[in-house]
Amino acid sequence: MKTKMPGPQQLLEKEAYDAWFKAQVQAPLDDSRPSIPDEEARRIFAIKREKLRQGKKL
């Protein structure tokens, strides 16, 4: 099966998507805020889930 060469527009779209994707990955890596331990994050989200189940606003 042969594939067609991508046209100029497709190349621009791919380059734009690649740049966007790399920026999305890099942003959290560059974030200087301290990390939250897994157990703390689980506790916070468990509280949020329970509030939502009870119909309360977050």
PDB file of N, CA and C in Angstrom:
ATOM      1  N   MET A   1       0.841  -1.180   0.000  1.00  0.00           N
ATOM      2  CA  MET A   1       0.000   0.000   0.000  1.00  0.00           C
ATOM      3  C   MET A   1       0.889   1.248   0.000  1.00  0.00           C
ATOM      4  N   LYS A   2       0.664   2.106  -0.952  1.00  0.00           N
ATOM      5  CA  LYS A   2       1.431   3.337  -1.033  1.00  0.00           C
ATOM      6  C   LYS A   2       0.685   4.451  -0.293  1.00  0.00           C
ATOM      7  N   THR A   3       1.453   5.311   0.326  1.00  0.00           N
ATOM      8  CA  THR A   3       0.843   6.468   0.964  1.00  0.00           C
ATOM      9  C   THR A   3       1.226   7.708   0.182  1.00  0.00           C
ATOM     10  N   LYS A   4       0.324   8.667   0.137  1.00  0.00           N
ATOM     11  CA  LYS A   4       0.590   9.908  -0.579  1.00  0.00           C
ATOM     12  C   LYS A   4       1.499  10.797   0.255  1.00  0.00           C
ATOM     13  N   MET A   5       2.283  11.590  -0.424  1.00  0.00           N
ATOM     14  CA  MET A   5       3.096  12.593   0.262  1.00  0.00           C
ATOM     15  C   MET A   5       2.161  13.642   0.835  1.00  0.00           C
ATOM     16  N   PRO A   6       2.394  14.069   2.056  1.00  0.00           N
ATOM     17  CA  PRO A   6       1.526  15.099   2.608  1.00  0.00           C
ATOM     18  C   PRO A   6       1.727  16.423   1.877  1.00  0.00           C
ATOM     19  N   GLY A   7       0.628  17.147   1.722  1.00  0.00           N
ATOM     20  CA  GLY A   7       0.699  18.448   1.066  1.00  0.00           C
ATOM     21  C   GLY A   7       1.211  19.509   2.038  1.00  0.00           C
ATOM     22  N   PRO A   8       1.440  20.714   1.535  1.00  0.00           N
ATOM     23  CA  PRO A   8       1.966  21.795   2.384  1.00  0.00           C
ATOM     24  C   PRO A   8       1.056  22.106   3.572  1.00  0.00           C
ATOM     25  N   GLN A   9      -0.266  22.087   3.358  1.00  0.00           N
ATOM     26  CA  GLN A   9      -1.198  22.384   4.448  1.00  0.00           C
ATOM     27  C   GLN A   9      -1.112  21.314   5.525  1.00  0.00           C
ATOM     28  N   GLN A  10      -1.027  20.060   5.116  1.00  0.00           N
ATOM     29  CA  GLN A  10      -0.917  18.972   6.086  1.00  0.00           C
ATOM     30  C   GLN A  10       0.373  19.080   6.878  1.00  0.00           C
ATOM     31  N   LEU A  11       1.452  19.472   6.220  1.00  0.00           N
ATOM     32  CA  LEU A  11       2.718  19.631   6.931  1.00  0.00           C
ATOM     33  C   LEU A  11       2.629  20.766   7.953  1.00  0.00           C
ATOM     34  N   LEU A  12       1.992  21.866   7.562  1.00  0.00           N
ATOM     35  CA  LEU A  12       1.824  22.979   8.499  1.00  0.00           C
ATOM     36  C   LEU A  12       0.971  22.558   9.686  1.00  0.00           C
ATOM     37  N   GLU A  13      -0.103  21.809   9.430  1.00  0.00           N
ATOM     38  CA  GLU A  13      -0.966  21.344  10.510  1.00  0.00           C
ATOM     39  C   GLU A  13      -0.200  20.409  11.439  1.00  0.00           C
ATOM     40  N   LYS A  14       0.593  19.509  10.861  1.00  0.00           N
ATOM     41  CA  LYS A  14       1.377  18.579  11.679  1.00  0.00           C
ATOM     42  C   LYS A  14       2.390  19.334  12.528  1.00  0.00           C
ATOM     43  N   GLU A  15       3.076  20.300  11.922  1.00  0.00           N
ATOM     44  CA  GLU A  15       4.063  21.080  12.674  1.00  0.00           C
ATOM     45  C   GLU A  15       3.400  21.872  13.792  1.00  0.00           C
ATOM     46  N   ALA A  16       2.237  22.446  13.506  1.00  0.00           N
ATOM     47  CA  ALA A  16       1.511  23.207  14.524  1.00  0.00           C
ATOM     48  C   ALA A  16       1.066  22.290  15.655  1.00  0.00           C
ATOM     49  N   TYR A  17       0.559  21.108  15.294  1.00  0.00           N
ATOM     50  CA  TYR A  17       0.130  20.163  16.322  1.00  0.00           C
ATOM     51  C   TYR A  17       1.321  19.701  17.155  1.00  0.00           C
ATOM     52  N   ASP A  18       2.434  19.382  16.513  1.00  0.00           N
ATOM     53  CA  ASP A  18       3.630  18.941  17.241  1.00  0.00           C
ATOM     54  C   ASP A  18       4.105  20.013  18.221  1.00  0.00           C
ATOM     55  N   ALA A  19       4.104  21.273  17.768  1.00  0.00           N
ATOM     56  CA  ALA A  19       4.524  22.370  18.648  1.00  0.00           C
ATOM     57  C   ALA A  19       3.566  22.507  19.824  1.00  0.00           C
ATOM     58  N   TRP A  20       2.254  22.424  19.552  1.00  0.00           N
ATOM     59  CA  TRP A  20       1.253  22.516  20.621  1.00  0.00           C
ATOM     60  C   TRP A  20       1.445  21.364  21.612  1.00  0.00           C
ATOM     61  N   PHE A  21       1.601  20.151  21.098  1.00  0.00           N
ATOM     62  CA  PHE A  21       1.731  18.985  21.961  1.00  0.00           C
ATOM     63  C   PHE A  21       2.972  19.086  22.847  1.00  0.00           C
ATOM     64  N   LYS A  22       4.083  19.486  22.256  1.00  0.00           N
ATOM     65  CA  LYS A  22       5.319  19.626  23.032  1.00  0.00           C
ATOM     66  C   LYS A  22       5.161  20.680  24.132  1.00  0.00           C
ATOM     67  N   ALA A  23       4.450  21.767  23.816  1.00  0.00           N
ATOM     68  CA  ALA A  23       4.216  22.809  24.822  1.00  0.00           C
ATOM     69  C   ALA A  23       3.343  22.276  25.952  1.00  0.00           C
ATOM     70  N   GLN A  24       2.345  21.447  25.615  1.00  0.00           N
ATOM     71  CA  GLN A  24       1.470  20.876  26.638  1.00  0.00           C
ATOM     72  C   GLN A  24       2.237  19.938  27.566  1.00  0.00           C
ATOM     73  N   VAL A  25       3.182  19.203  27.034  1.00  0.00           N
ATOM     74  CA  VAL A  25       4.002  18.291  27.835  1.00  0.00           C
ATOM     75  C   VAL A  25       5.010  19.073  28.674  1.00  0.00           C
ATOM     76  N   GLN A  26       5.603  20.102  28.084  1.00  0.00           N
ATOM     77  CA  GLN A  26       6.655  20.854  28.764  1.00  0.00           C
ATOM     78  C   GLN A  26       6.121  21.706  29.914  1.00  0.00           C
ATOM     79  N   ALA A  27       4.914  22.229  29.785  1.00  0.00           N
ATOM     80  CA  ALA A  27       4.362  23.148  30.796  1.00  0.00           C
ATOM     81  C   ALA A  27       4.383  22.545  32.204  1.00  0.00           C
ATOM     82  N   PRO A  28       3.876  21.334  32.421  1.00  0.00           N
ATOM     83  CA  PRO A  28       3.940  20.796  33.792  1.00  0.00           C
ATOM     84  C   PRO A  28       5.364  20.474  34.241  1.00  0.00           C
ATOM     85  N   LEU A  29       6.233  20.146  33.295  1.00  0.00           N
ATOM     86  CA  LEU A  29       7.626  19.877  33.668  1.00  0.00           C
ATOM     87  C   LEU A  29       8.317  21.142  34.166  1.00  0.00           C
ATOM     88  N   ASP A  30       7.926  22.289  33.609  1.00  0.00           N
ATOM     89  CA  ASP A  30       8.520  23.565  33.999  1.00  0.00           C
ATOM     90  C   ASP A  30       7.857  24.184  35.234  1.00  0.00           C
ATOM     91  N   ASP A  31       6.740  23.622  35.674  1.00  0.00           N
ATOM     92  CA  ASP A  31       5.989  24.183  36.801  1.00  0.00           C
ATOM     93  C   ASP A  31       6.833  24.112  38.070  1.00  0.00           C
ATOM     94  N   SER A  32       7.031  25.240  38.706  1.00  0.00           N
ATOM     95  CA  SER A  32       7.905  25.286  39.888  1.00  0.00           C
ATOM     96  C   SER A  32       7.167  24.996  41.198  1.00  0.00           C
ATOM     97  N   ARG A  33       5.842  24.846  41.122  1.00  0.00           N
ATOM     98  CA  ARG A  33       5.099  24.548  42.346  1.00  0.00           C
ATOM     99  C   ARG A  33       5.475  23.147  42.848  1.00  0.00           C
ATOM    100  N   PRO A  34       5.448  22.946  44.162  1.00  0.00           N
ATOM    101  CA  PRO A  34       5.801  21.620  44.686  1.00  0.00           C
ATOM    102  C   PRO A  34       4.767  20.571  44.278  1.00  0.00           C
ATOM    103  N   SER A  35       5.233  19.365  44.111  1.00  0.00           N
ATOM    104  CA  SER A  35       4.340  18.256  43.778  1.00  0.00           C
ATOM    105  C   SER A  35       3.493  17.887  44.983  1.00  0.00           C
ATOM    106  N   ILE A  36       2.331  17.309  44.702  1.00  0.00           N
ATOM    107  CA  ILE A  36       1.464  16.819  45.766  1.00  0.00           C
ATOM    108  C   ILE A  36       1.639  15.309  45.825  1.00  0.00           C
ATOM    109  N   PRO A  37       1.908  14.766  47.006  1.00  0.00           N
ATOM    110  CA  PRO A  37       2.034  13.306  47.110  1.00  0.00           C
ATOM    111  C   PRO A  37       0.739  12.609  46.668  1.00  0.00           C
ATOM    112  N   ASP A  38       0.865  11.422  46.118  1.00  0.00           N
ATOM    113  CA  ASP A  38      -0.270  10.672  45.599  1.00  0.00           C
ATOM    114  C   ASP A  38      -1.382  10.526  46.635  1.00  0.00           C
ATOM    115  N   GLU A  39      -1.040  10.169  47.848  1.00  0.00           N
ATOM    116  CA  GLU A  39      -2.065   9.961  48.881  1.00  0.00           C
ATOM    117  C   GLU A  39      -2.836  11.243  49.175  1.00  0.00           C
ATOM    118  N   GLU A  40      -2.153  12.374  49.163  1.00  0.00           N
ATOM    119  CA  GLU A  40      -2.815  13.655  49.402  1.00  0.00           C
ATOM    120  C   GLU A  40      -3.771  13.986  48.254  1.00  0.00           C
ATOM    121  N   ALA A  41      -3.329  13.753  47.018  1.00  0.00           N
ATOM    122  CA  ALA A  41      -4.188  14.007  45.857  1.00  0.00           C
ATOM    123  C   ALA A  41      -5.419  13.104  45.900  1.00  0.00           C
ATOM    124  N   ARG A  42      -5.238  11.855  46.262  1.00  0.00           N
ATOM    125  CA  ARG A  42      -6.376  10.924  46.362  1.00  0.00           C
ATOM    126  C   ARG A  42      -7.360  11.382  47.436  1.00  0.00           C
ATOM    127  N   ARG A  43      -6.834  11.871  48.554  1.00  0.00           N
ATOM    128  CA  ARG A  43      -7.691  12.338  49.636  1.00  0.00           C
ATOM    129  C   ARG A  43      -8.499  13.551  49.191  1.00  0.00           C
ATOM    130  N   ILE A  44      -7.839  14.494  48.526  1.00  0.00           N
ATOM    131  CA  ILE A  44      -8.514  15.704  48.055  1.00  0.00           C
ATOM    132  C   ILE A  44      -9.634  15.349  47.067  1.00  0.00           C
ATOM    133  N   PHE A  45      -9.337  14.480  46.114  1.00  0.00           N
ATOM    134  CA  PHE A  45     -10.348  14.135  45.124  1.00  0.00           C
ATOM    135  C   PHE A  45     -11.461  13.271  45.708  1.00  0.00           C
ATOM    136  N   ALA A  46     -11.173  12.486  46.716  1.00  0.00           N
ATOM    137  CA  ALA A  46     -12.232  11.728  47.383  1.00  0.00           C
ATOM    138  C   ALA A  46     -13.214  12.687  48.050  1.00  0.00           C
ATOM    139  N   ILE A  47     -12.698  13.730  48.664  1.00  0.00           N
ATOM    140  CA  ILE A  47     -13.563  14.743  49.287  1.00  0.00           C
ATOM    141  C   ILE A  47     -14.403  15.429  48.216  1.00  0.00           C
ATOM    142  N   LYS A  48     -13.788  15.803  47.091  1.00  0.00           N
ATOM    143  CA  LYS A  48     -14.519  16.456  46.006  1.00  0.00           C
ATOM    144  C   LYS A  48     -15.603  15.545  45.442  1.00  0.00           C
ATOM    145  N   ARG A  49     -15.280  14.259  45.234  1.00  0.00           N
ATOM    146  CA  ARG A  49     -16.280  13.314  44.721  1.00  0.00           C
ATOM    147  C   ARG A  49     -17.455  13.194  45.679  1.00  0.00           C
ATOM    148  N   GLU A  50     -17.172  13.128  46.963  1.00  0.00           N
ATOM    149  CA  GLU A  50     -18.246  12.995  47.949  1.00  0.00           C
ATOM    150  C   GLU A  50     -19.141  14.226  47.947  1.00  0.00           C
ATOM    151  N   LYS A  51     -18.562  15.407  47.852  1.00  0.00           N
ATOM    152  CA  LYS A  51     -19.361  16.630  47.791  1.00  0.00           C
ATOM    153  C   LYS A  51     -20.258  16.624  46.554  1.00  0.00           C
ATOM    154  N   LEU A  52     -19.711  16.196  45.427  1.00  0.00           N
ATOM    155  CA  LEU A  52     -20.521  16.131  44.205  1.00  0.00           C
ATOM    156  C   LEU A  52     -21.660  15.123  44.347  1.00  0.00           C
ATOM    157  N   ARG A  53     -21.387  13.993  44.975  1.00  0.00           N
ATOM    158  CA  ARG A  53     -22.446  12.990  45.188  1.00  0.00           C
ATOM    159  C   ARG A  53     -23.571  13.558  46.053  1.00  0.00           C
ATOM    160  N   GLN A  54     -23.204  14.405  46.989  1.00  0.00           N
ATOM    161  CA  GLN A  54     -24.196  14.987  47.894  1.00  0.00           C
ATOM    162  C   GLN A  54     -24.875  16.209  47.272  1.00  0.00           C
ATOM    163  N   GLY A  55     -24.465  16.579  46.077  1.00  0.00           N
ATOM    164  CA  GLY A  55     -25.073  17.711  45.387  1.00  0.00           C
ATOM    165  C   GLY A  55     -24.561  19.069  45.875  1.00  0.00           C
ATOM    166  N   LYS A  56     -23.447  19.066  46.564  1.00  0.00           N
ATOM    167  CA  LYS A  56     -22.870  20.320  47.059  1.00  0.00           C
ATOM    168  C   LYS A  56     -21.936  20.891  46.001  1.00  0.00           C
ATOM    169  N   LYS A  57     -21.779  22.223  46.051  1.00  0.00           N
ATOM    170  CA  LYS A  57     -20.821  22.870  45.157  1.00  0.00           C
ATOM    171  C   LYS A  57     -19.422  22.683  45.698  1.00  0.00           C
ATOM    172  N   LEU A  58     -18.472  22.674  44.795  1.00  0.00           N
ATOM    173  CA  LEU A  58     -17.078  22.512  45.206  1.00  0.00           C
ATOM    174  C   LEU A  58     -16.488  23.807  45.674  1.00  0.00           C
TER     175      LEU A  58
END
